[in-house]
Amino acid sequence: MDAAEAKKIIVEELEKKTKSKSKFYLKDFYKFLPDEKPRAVKNIVNDMVAEGILEYWSSGSTTMIGLKGRGKQAAAEDED
């Protein structure tokens, strides 16, 4: 699977799931691409963050990943 196809799958899966939650752990992305090795998935996610498709969110103890501009946290930040 090439990177463009993997990115498309990730975005589609996140859009389906964002109705219930907006942030996901890295291990959740492994389920979206079960045939890929964890390191490859991590690299794809990092590329998507660099491209501005995804964003990291941290509570201080936990780092989660979601589509850029989605979720309660993004709405609160827009108000500032």
PDB file of N, CA and C in Angstrom:
ATOM      1  N   MET A   1       0.848  -1.174   0.000  1.00  0.00           N
ATOM      2  CA  MET A   1       0.000   0.000   0.000  1.00  0.00           C
ATOM      3  C   MET A   1       0.897   1.242   0.000  1.00  0.00           C
ATOM      4  N   ASP A   2       0.573   2.189  -0.873  1.00  0.00           N
ATOM      5  CA  ASP A   2       1.379   3.406  -0.895  1.00  0.00           C
ATOM      6  C   ASP A   2       0.851   4.411   0.129  1.00  0.00           C
ATOM      7  N   ALA A   3       1.652   5.431   0.400  1.00  0.00           N
ATOM      8  CA  ALA A   3       1.334   6.389   1.461  1.00  0.00           C
ATOM      9  C   ALA A   3       0.044   7.155   1.178  1.00  0.00           C
ATOM     10  N   ALA A   4      -0.201   7.528  -0.071  1.00  0.00           N
ATOM     11  CA  ALA A   4      -1.406   8.291  -0.416  1.00  0.00           C
ATOM     12  C   ALA A   4      -2.662   7.472  -0.125  1.00  0.00           C
ATOM     13  N   GLU A   5      -2.620   6.195  -0.462  1.00  0.00           N
ATOM     14  CA  GLU A   5      -3.756   5.313  -0.208  1.00  0.00           C
ATOM     15  C   GLU A   5      -3.977   5.139   1.299  1.00  0.00           C
ATOM     16  N   ALA A   6      -2.894   4.989   2.037  1.00  0.00           N
ATOM     17  CA  ALA A   6      -2.982   4.838   3.496  1.00  0.00           C
ATOM     18  C   ALA A   6      -3.567   6.093   4.127  1.00  0.00           C
ATOM     19  N   LYS A   7      -3.148   7.260   3.674  1.00  0.00           N
ATOM     20  CA  LYS A   7      -3.666   8.521   4.206  1.00  0.00           C
ATOM     21  C   LYS A   7      -5.163   8.652   3.931  1.00  0.00           C
ATOM     22  N   LYS A   8      -5.578   8.239   2.749  1.00  0.00           N
ATOM     23  CA  LYS A   8      -7.002   8.295   2.384  1.00  0.00           C
ATOM     24  C   LYS A   8      -7.815   7.396   3.317  1.00  0.00           C
ATOM     25  N   ILE A   9      -7.322   6.199   3.579  1.00  0.00           N
ATOM     26  CA  ILE A   9      -8.010   5.263   4.471  1.00  0.00           C
ATOM     27  C   ILE A   9      -8.117   5.855   5.876  1.00  0.00           C
ATOM     28  N   ILE A  10      -7.039   6.448   6.365  1.00  0.00           N
ATOM     29  CA  ILE A  10      -7.047   7.043   7.708  1.00  0.00           C
ATOM     30  C   ILE A  10      -8.086   8.149   7.798  1.00  0.00           C
ATOM     31  N   VAL A  11      -8.115   9.045   6.817  1.00  0.00           N
ATOM     32  CA  VAL A  11      -9.080  10.152   6.844  1.00  0.00           C
ATOM     33  C   VAL A  11     -10.504   9.615   6.795  1.00  0.00           C
ATOM     34  N   GLU A  12     -10.769   8.629   5.940  1.00  0.00           N
ATOM     35  CA  GLU A  12     -12.108   8.052   5.848  1.00  0.00           C
ATOM     36  C   GLU A  12     -12.536   7.431   7.181  1.00  0.00           C
ATOM     37  N   GLU A  13     -11.639   6.673   7.803  1.00  0.00           N
ATOM     38  CA  GLU A  13     -11.958   6.036   9.078  1.00  0.00           C
ATOM     39  C   GLU A  13     -12.206   7.080  10.171  1.00  0.00           C
ATOM     40  N   LEU A  14     -11.397   8.112  10.209  1.00  0.00           N
ATOM     41  CA  LEU A  14     -11.577   9.155  11.228  1.00  0.00           C
ATOM     42  C   LEU A  14     -12.881   9.907  11.016  1.00  0.00           C
ATOM     43  N   GLU A  15     -13.235  10.184   9.773  1.00  0.00           N
ATOM     44  CA  GLU A  15     -14.488  10.889   9.507  1.00  0.00           C
ATOM     45  C   GLU A  15     -15.692  10.048   9.923  1.00  0.00           C
ATOM     46  N   LYS A  16     -15.601   8.733   9.750  1.00  0.00           N
ATOM     47  CA  LYS A  16     -16.685   7.850  10.195  1.00  0.00           C
ATOM     48  C   LYS A  16     -16.812   7.862  11.715  1.00  0.00           C
ATOM     49  N   LYS A  17     -15.672   7.884  12.402  1.00  0.00           N
ATOM     50  CA  LYS A  17     -15.672   7.755  13.855  1.00  0.00           C
ATOM     51  C   LYS A  17     -15.801   9.079  14.597  1.00  0.00           C
ATOM     52  N   THR A  18     -15.626  10.231  13.930  1.00  0.00           N
ATOM     53  CA  THR A  18     -15.644  11.503  14.641  1.00  0.00           C
ATOM     54  C   THR A  18     -17.034  11.884  15.123  1.00  0.00           C
ATOM     55  N   LYS A  19     -18.057  11.138  14.732  1.00  0.00           N
ATOM     56  CA  LYS A  19     -19.383  11.402  15.275  1.00  0.00           C
ATOM     57  C   LYS A  19     -19.434  11.054  16.765  1.00  0.00           C
ATOM     58  N   SER A  20     -18.624  10.084  17.175  1.00  0.00           N
ATOM     59  CA  SER A  20     -18.618   9.671  18.578  1.00  0.00           C
ATOM     60  C   SER A  20     -17.424  10.212  19.358  1.00  0.00           C
ATOM     61  N   LYS A  21     -16.265  10.368  18.706  1.00  0.00           N
ATOM     62  CA  LYS A  21     -15.104  10.946  19.383  1.00  0.00           C
ATOM     63  C   LYS A  21     -14.189  11.585  18.353  1.00  0.00           C
ATOM     64  N   SER A  22     -13.399  12.551  18.816  1.00  0.00           N
ATOM     65  CA  SER A  22     -12.584  13.303  17.866  1.00  0.00           C
ATOM     66  C   SER A  22     -11.082  13.048  17.995  1.00  0.00           C
ATOM     67  N   LYS A  23     -10.647  12.471  19.083  1.00  0.00           N
ATOM     68  CA  LYS A  23      -9.221  12.217  19.302  1.00  0.00           C
ATOM     69  C   LYS A  23      -8.987  10.726  19.511  1.00  0.00           C
ATOM     70  N   PHE A  24      -7.868  10.250  18.978  1.00  0.00           N
ATOM     71  CA  PHE A  24      -7.569   8.830  19.016  1.00  0.00           C
ATOM     72  C   PHE A  24      -6.123   8.606  19.437  1.00  0.00           C
ATOM     73  N   TYR A  25      -5.885   7.455  20.047  1.00  0.00           N
ATOM     74  CA  TYR A  25      -4.521   7.047  20.386  1.00  0.00           C
ATOM     75  C   TYR A  25      -3.846   6.524  19.119  1.00  0.00           C
ATOM     76  N   LEU A  26      -2.519   6.545  19.111  1.00  0.00           N
ATOM     77  CA  LEU A  26      -1.782   6.025  17.963  1.00  0.00           C
ATOM     78  C   LEU A  26      -2.142   4.563  17.705  1.00  0.00           C
ATOM     79  N   LYS A  27      -2.356   3.801  18.775  1.00  0.00           N
ATOM     80  CA  LYS A  27      -2.691   2.373  18.594  1.00  0.00           C
ATOM     81  C   LYS A  27      -4.000   2.184  17.828  1.00  0.00           C
ATOM     82  N   ASP A  28      -4.901   3.171  17.877  1.00  0.00           N
ATOM     83  CA  ASP A  28      -6.139   3.081  17.103  1.00  0.00           C
ATOM     84  C   ASP A  28      -5.859   3.136  15.604  1.00  0.00           C
ATOM     85  N   PHE A  29      -4.819   3.856  15.213  1.00  0.00           N
ATOM     86  CA  PHE A  29      -4.465   3.969  13.801  1.00  0.00           C
ATOM     87  C   PHE A  29      -3.932   2.644  13.264  1.00  0.00           C
ATOM     88  N   TYR A  30      -3.340   1.829  14.134  1.00  0.00           N
ATOM     89  CA  TYR A  30      -2.851   0.520  13.707  1.00  0.00           C
ATOM     90  C   TYR A  30      -4.016  -0.345  13.217  1.00  0.00           C
ATOM     91  N   LYS A  31      -5.181  -0.170  13.816  1.00  0.00           N
ATOM     92  CA  LYS A  31      -6.364  -0.946  13.420  1.00  0.00           C
ATOM     93  C   LYS A  31      -6.879  -0.509  12.051  1.00  0.00           C
ATOM     94  N   PHE A  32      -6.677   0.764  11.703  1.00  0.00           N
ATOM     95  CA  PHE A  32      -7.118   1.247  10.396  1.00  0.00           C
ATOM     96  C   PHE A  32      -6.293   0.642   9.271  1.00  0.00           C
ATOM     97  N   LEU A  33      -5.026   0.336   9.556  1.00  0.00           N
ATOM     98  CA  LEU A  33      -4.097  -0.219   8.560  1.00  0.00           C
ATOM     99  C   LEU A  33      -3.480  -1.502   9.109  1.00  0.00           C
ATOM    100  N   PRO A  34      -4.270  -2.548   9.239  1.00  0.00           N
ATOM    101  CA  PRO A  34      -3.784  -3.770   9.903  1.00  0.00           C
ATOM    102  C   PRO A  34      -2.642  -4.481   9.184  1.00  0.00           C
ATOM    103  N   ASP A  35      -2.471  -4.255   7.886  1.00  0.00           N
ATOM    104  CA  ASP A  35      -1.403  -4.931   7.151  1.00  0.00           C
ATOM    105  C   ASP A  35      -0.068  -4.198   7.230  1.00  0.00           C
ATOM    106  N   GLU A  36      -0.082  -2.994   7.802  1.00  0.00           N
ATOM    107  CA  GLU A  36       1.139  -2.204   7.910  1.00  0.00           C
ATOM    108  C   GLU A  36       1.790  -2.416   9.279  1.00  0.00           C
ATOM    109  N   LYS A  37       3.090  -2.292   9.326  1.00  0.00           N
ATOM    110  CA  LYS A  37       3.814  -2.394  10.597  1.00  0.00           C
ATOM    111  C   LYS A  37       3.586  -1.119  11.401  1.00  0.00           C
ATOM    112  N   PRO A  38       3.597  -1.210  12.731  1.00  0.00           N
ATOM    113  CA  PRO A  38       3.368  -0.031  13.576  1.00  0.00           C
ATOM    114  C   PRO A  38       4.276   1.153  13.246  1.00  0.00           C
ATOM    115  N   ARG A  39       5.531   0.894  12.958  1.00  0.00           N
ATOM    116  CA  ARG A  39       6.458   1.989  12.638  1.00  0.00           C
ATOM    117  C   ARG A  39       6.034   2.713  11.362  1.00  0.00           C
ATOM    118  N   ALA A  40       5.569   1.961  10.358  1.00  0.00           N
ATOM    119  CA  ALA A  40       5.119   2.566   9.104  1.00  0.00           C
ATOM    120  C   ALA A  40       3.879   3.429   9.340  1.00  0.00           C
ATOM    121  N   VAL A  41       2.965   2.938  10.179  1.00  0.00           N
ATOM    122  CA  VAL A  41       1.759   3.703  10.492  1.00  0.00           C
ATOM    123  C   VAL A  41       2.140   4.990  11.220  1.00  0.00           C
ATOM    124  N   LYS A  42       3.059   4.890  12.165  1.00  0.00           N
ATOM    125  CA  LYS A  42       3.502   6.077  12.902  1.00  0.00           C
ATOM    126  C   LYS A  42       4.109   7.108  11.952  1.00  0.00           C
ATOM    127  N   ASN A  43       4.898   6.663  10.985  1.00  0.00           N
ATOM    128  CA  ASN A  43       5.504   7.576  10.023  1.00  0.00           C
ATOM    129  C   ASN A  43       4.446   8.248   9.149  1.00  0.00           C
ATOM    130  N   ILE A  44       3.430   7.495   8.751  1.00  0.00           N
ATOM    131  CA  ILE A  44       2.347   8.069   7.943  1.00  0.00           C
ATOM    132  C   ILE A  44       1.594   9.115   8.753  1.00  0.00           C
ATOM    133  N   VAL A  45       1.288   8.808  10.009  1.00  0.00           N
ATOM    134  CA  VAL A  45       0.589   9.757  10.882  1.00  0.00           C
ATOM    135  C   VAL A  45       1.431  11.020  11.068  1.00  0.00           C
ATOM    136  N   ASN A  46       2.731  10.861  11.296  1.00  0.00           N
ATOM    137  CA  ASN A  46       3.619  12.024  11.444  1.00  0.00           C
ATOM    138  C   ASN A  46       3.627  12.879  10.179  1.00  0.00           C
ATOM    139  N   ASP A  47       3.628  12.241   9.015  1.00  0.00           N
ATOM    140  CA  ASP A  47       3.573  12.981   7.749  1.00  0.00           C
ATOM    141  C   ASP A  47       2.265  13.761   7.637  1.00  0.00           C
ATOM    142  N   MET A  48       1.167  13.137   8.057  1.00  0.00           N
ATOM    143  CA  MET A  48      -0.134  13.793   7.989  1.00  0.00           C
ATOM    144  C   MET A  48      -0.212  14.982   8.942  1.00  0.00           C
ATOM    145  N   VAL A  49       0.450  14.894  10.085  1.00  0.00           N
ATOM    146  CA  VAL A  49       0.510  16.025  11.017  1.00  0.00           C
ATOM    147  C   VAL A  49       1.322  17.154  10.375  1.00  0.00           C
ATOM    148  N   ALA A  50       2.444  16.817   9.759  1.00  0.00           N
ATOM    149  CA  ALA A  50       3.284  17.822   9.107  1.00  0.00           C
ATOM    150  C   ALA A  50       2.548  18.507   7.957  1.00  0.00           C
ATOM    151  N   GLU A  51       1.684  17.764   7.271  1.00  0.00           N
ATOM    152  CA  GLU A  51       0.908  18.318   6.157  1.00  0.00           C
ATOM    153  C   GLU A  51      -0.298  19.121   6.626  1.00  0.00           C
ATOM    154  N   GLY A  52      -0.619  19.045   7.918  1.00  0.00           N
ATOM    155  CA  GLY A  52      -1.751  19.792   8.446  1.00  0.00           C
ATOM    156  C   GLY A  52      -3.079  19.077   8.340  1.00  0.00           C
ATOM    157  N   ILE A  53      -3.073  17.795   8.041  1.00  0.00           N
ATOM    158  CA  ILE A  53      -4.305  17.010   7.955  1.00  0.00           C
ATOM    159  C   ILE A  53      -4.743  16.573   9.351  1.00  0.00           C
ATOM    160  N   LEU A  54      -3.770  16.117  10.135  1.00  0.00           N
ATOM    161  CA  LEU A  54      -4.016  15.680  11.507  1.00  0.00           C
ATOM    162  C   LEU A  54      -3.322  16.638  12.467  1.00  0.00           C
ATOM    163  N   GLU A  55      -3.695  16.547  13.743  1.00  0.00           N
ATOM    164  CA  GLU A  55      -3.010  17.340  14.760  1.00  0.00           C
ATOM    165  C   GLU A  55      -2.868  16.518  16.027  1.00  0.00           C
ATOM    166  N   TYR A  56      -1.800  16.794  16.752  1.00  0.00           N
ATOM    167  CA  TYR A  56      -1.600  16.168  18.047  1.00  0.00           C
ATOM    168  C   TYR A  56      -2.329  16.981  19.101  1.00  0.00           C
ATOM    169  N   TRP A  57      -2.801  16.298  20.112  1.00  0.00           N
ATOM    170  CA  TRP A  57      -3.399  16.935  21.275  1.00  0.00           C
ATOM    171  C   TRP A  57      -2.836  16.240  22.499  1.00  0.00           C
ATOM    172  N   SER A  58      -2.421  17.018  23.489  1.00  0.00           N
ATOM    173  CA  SER A  58      -1.824  16.437  24.678  1.00  0.00           C
ATOM    174  C   SER A  58      -2.497  16.967  25.927  1.00  0.00           C
ATOM    175  N   SER A  59      -2.782  16.065  26.848  1.00  0.00           N
ATOM    176  CA  SER A  59      -3.339  16.455  28.143  1.00  0.00           C
ATOM    177  C   SER A  59      -2.215  16.673  29.151  1.00  0.00           C
ATOM    178  N   GLY A  60      -1.007  16.420  28.737  1.00  0.00           N
ATOM    179  CA  GLY A  60       0.137  16.499  29.631  1.00  0.00           C
ATOM    180  C   GLY A  60       0.672  15.118  29.930  1.00  0.00           C
ATOM    181  N   SER A  61      -0.235  14.161  30.045  1.00  0.00           N
ATOM    182  CA  SER A  61       0.204  12.789  30.305  1.00  0.00           C
ATOM    183  C   SER A  61      -0.112  11.866  29.133  1.00  0.00           C
ATOM    184  N   THR A  62      -1.017  12.284  28.271  1.00  0.00           N
ATOM    185  CA  THR A  62      -1.449  11.455  27.162  1.00  0.00           C
ATOM    186  C   THR A  62      -1.425  12.275  25.878  1.00  0.00           C
ATOM    187  N   THR A  63      -0.926  11.675  24.810  1.00  0.00           N
ATOM    188  CA  THR A  63      -0.950  12.332  23.507  1.00  0.00           C
ATOM    189  C   THR A  63      -1.937  11.603  22.619  1.00  0.00           C
ATOM    190  N   MET A  64      -2.825  12.382  22.024  1.00  0.00           N
ATOM    191  CA  MET A  64      -3.822  11.812  21.126  1.00  0.00           C
ATOM    192  C   MET A  64      -3.729  12.533  19.788  1.00  0.00           C
ATOM    193  N   ILE A  65      -4.382  11.957  18.783  1.00  0.00           N
ATOM    194  CA  ILE A  65      -4.303  12.483  17.426  1.00  0.00           C
ATOM    195  C   ILE A  65      -5.714  12.568  16.866  1.00  0.00           C
ATOM    196  N   GLY A  66      -5.985  13.636  16.140  1.00  0.00           N
ATOM    197  CA  GLY A  66      -7.296  13.790  15.514  1.00  0.00           C
ATOM    198  C   GLY A  66      -7.205  14.631  14.263  1.00  0.00           C
ATOM    199  N   LEU A  67      -8.315  14.699  13.539  1.00  0.00           N
ATOM    200  CA  LEU A  67      -8.364  15.547  12.362  1.00  0.00           C
ATOM    201  C   LEU A  67      -8.233  17.000  12.787  1.00  0.00           C
ATOM    202  N   LYS A  68      -7.479  17.761  12.078  1.00  0.00           N
ATOM    203  CA  LYS A  68      -7.228  19.154  12.437  1.00  0.00           C
ATOM    204  C   LYS A  68      -8.534  19.946  12.441  1.00  0.00           C
ATOM    205  N   GLY A  69      -8.755  20.688  13.535  1.00  0.00           N
ATOM    206  CA  GLY A  69      -9.923  21.546  13.640  1.00  0.00           C
ATOM    207  C   GLY A  69     -11.205  20.860  14.052  1.00  0.00           C
ATOM    208  N   ARG A  70     -11.118  19.635  14.520  1.00  0.00           N
ATOM    209  CA  ARG A  70     -12.324  18.903  14.934  1.00  0.00           C
ATOM    210  C   ARG A  70     -12.329  18.709  16.436  1.00  0.00           C
ATOM    211  N   GLY A  71     -13.517  18.644  17.023  1.00  0.00           N
ATOM    212  CA  GLY A  71     -13.652  18.319  18.435  1.00  0.00           C
ATOM    213  C   GLY A  71     -13.884  19.525  19.310  1.00  0.00           C
ATOM    214  N   LYS A  72     -14.202  19.250  20.569  1.00  0.00           N
ATOM    215  CA  LYS A  72     -14.492  20.306  21.541  1.00  0.00           C
ATOM    216  C   LYS A  72     -13.291  21.207  21.776  1.00  0.00           C
ATOM    217  N   GLN A  73     -12.116  20.619  21.842  1.00  0.00           N
ATOM    218  CA  GLN A  73     -10.910  21.392  22.102  1.00  0.00           C
ATOM    219  C   GLN A  73     -10.685  22.425  21.006  1.00  0.00           C
ATOM    220  N   ALA A  74     -10.888  22.055  19.757  1.00  0.00           N
ATOM    221  CA  ALA A  74     -10.690  22.980  18.640  1.00  0.00           C
ATOM    222  C   ALA A  74     -11.695  24.122  18.704  1.00  0.00           C
ATOM    223  N   ALA A  75     -12.928  23.812  19.073  1.00  0.00           N
ATOM    224  CA  ALA A  75     -13.964  24.848  19.188  1.00  0.00           C
ATOM    225  C   ALA A  75     -13.613  25.833  20.293  1.00  0.00           C
ATOM    226  N   ALA A  76     -13.085  25.352  21.399  1.00  0.00           N
ATOM    227  CA  ALA A  76     -12.705  26.222  22.525  1.00  0.00           C
ATOM    228  C   ALA A  76     -11.528  27.114  22.138  1.00  0.00           C
ATOM    229  N   GLU A  77     -10.590  26.576  21.367  1.00  0.00           N
ATOM    230  CA  GLU A  77      -9.433  27.353  20.953  1.00  0.00           C
ATOM    231  C   GLU A  77      -9.803  28.435  19.948  1.00  0.00           C
ATOM    232  N   ASP A  78     -10.827  28.187  19.126  1.00  0.00           N
ATOM    233  CA  ASP A  78     -11.276  29.172  18.147  1.00  0.00           C
ATOM    234  C   ASP A  78     -11.885  30.389  18.817  1.00  0.00           C
ATOM    235  N   GLU A  79     -12.454  30.205  19.997  1.00  0.00           N
ATOM    236  CA  GLU A  79     -13.111  31.294  20.714  1.00  0.00           C
ATOM    237  C   GLU A  79     -12.125  32.289  21.289  1.00  0.00           C
ATOM    238  N   ASP A  80     -10.894  31.863  21.552  1.00  0.00           N
ATOM    239  CA  ASP A  80      -9.877  32.737  22.177  1.00  0.00           C
ATOM    240  C   ASP A  80      -9.490  33.888  21.269  1.00  0.00           C
TER     241      ASP A  80
END
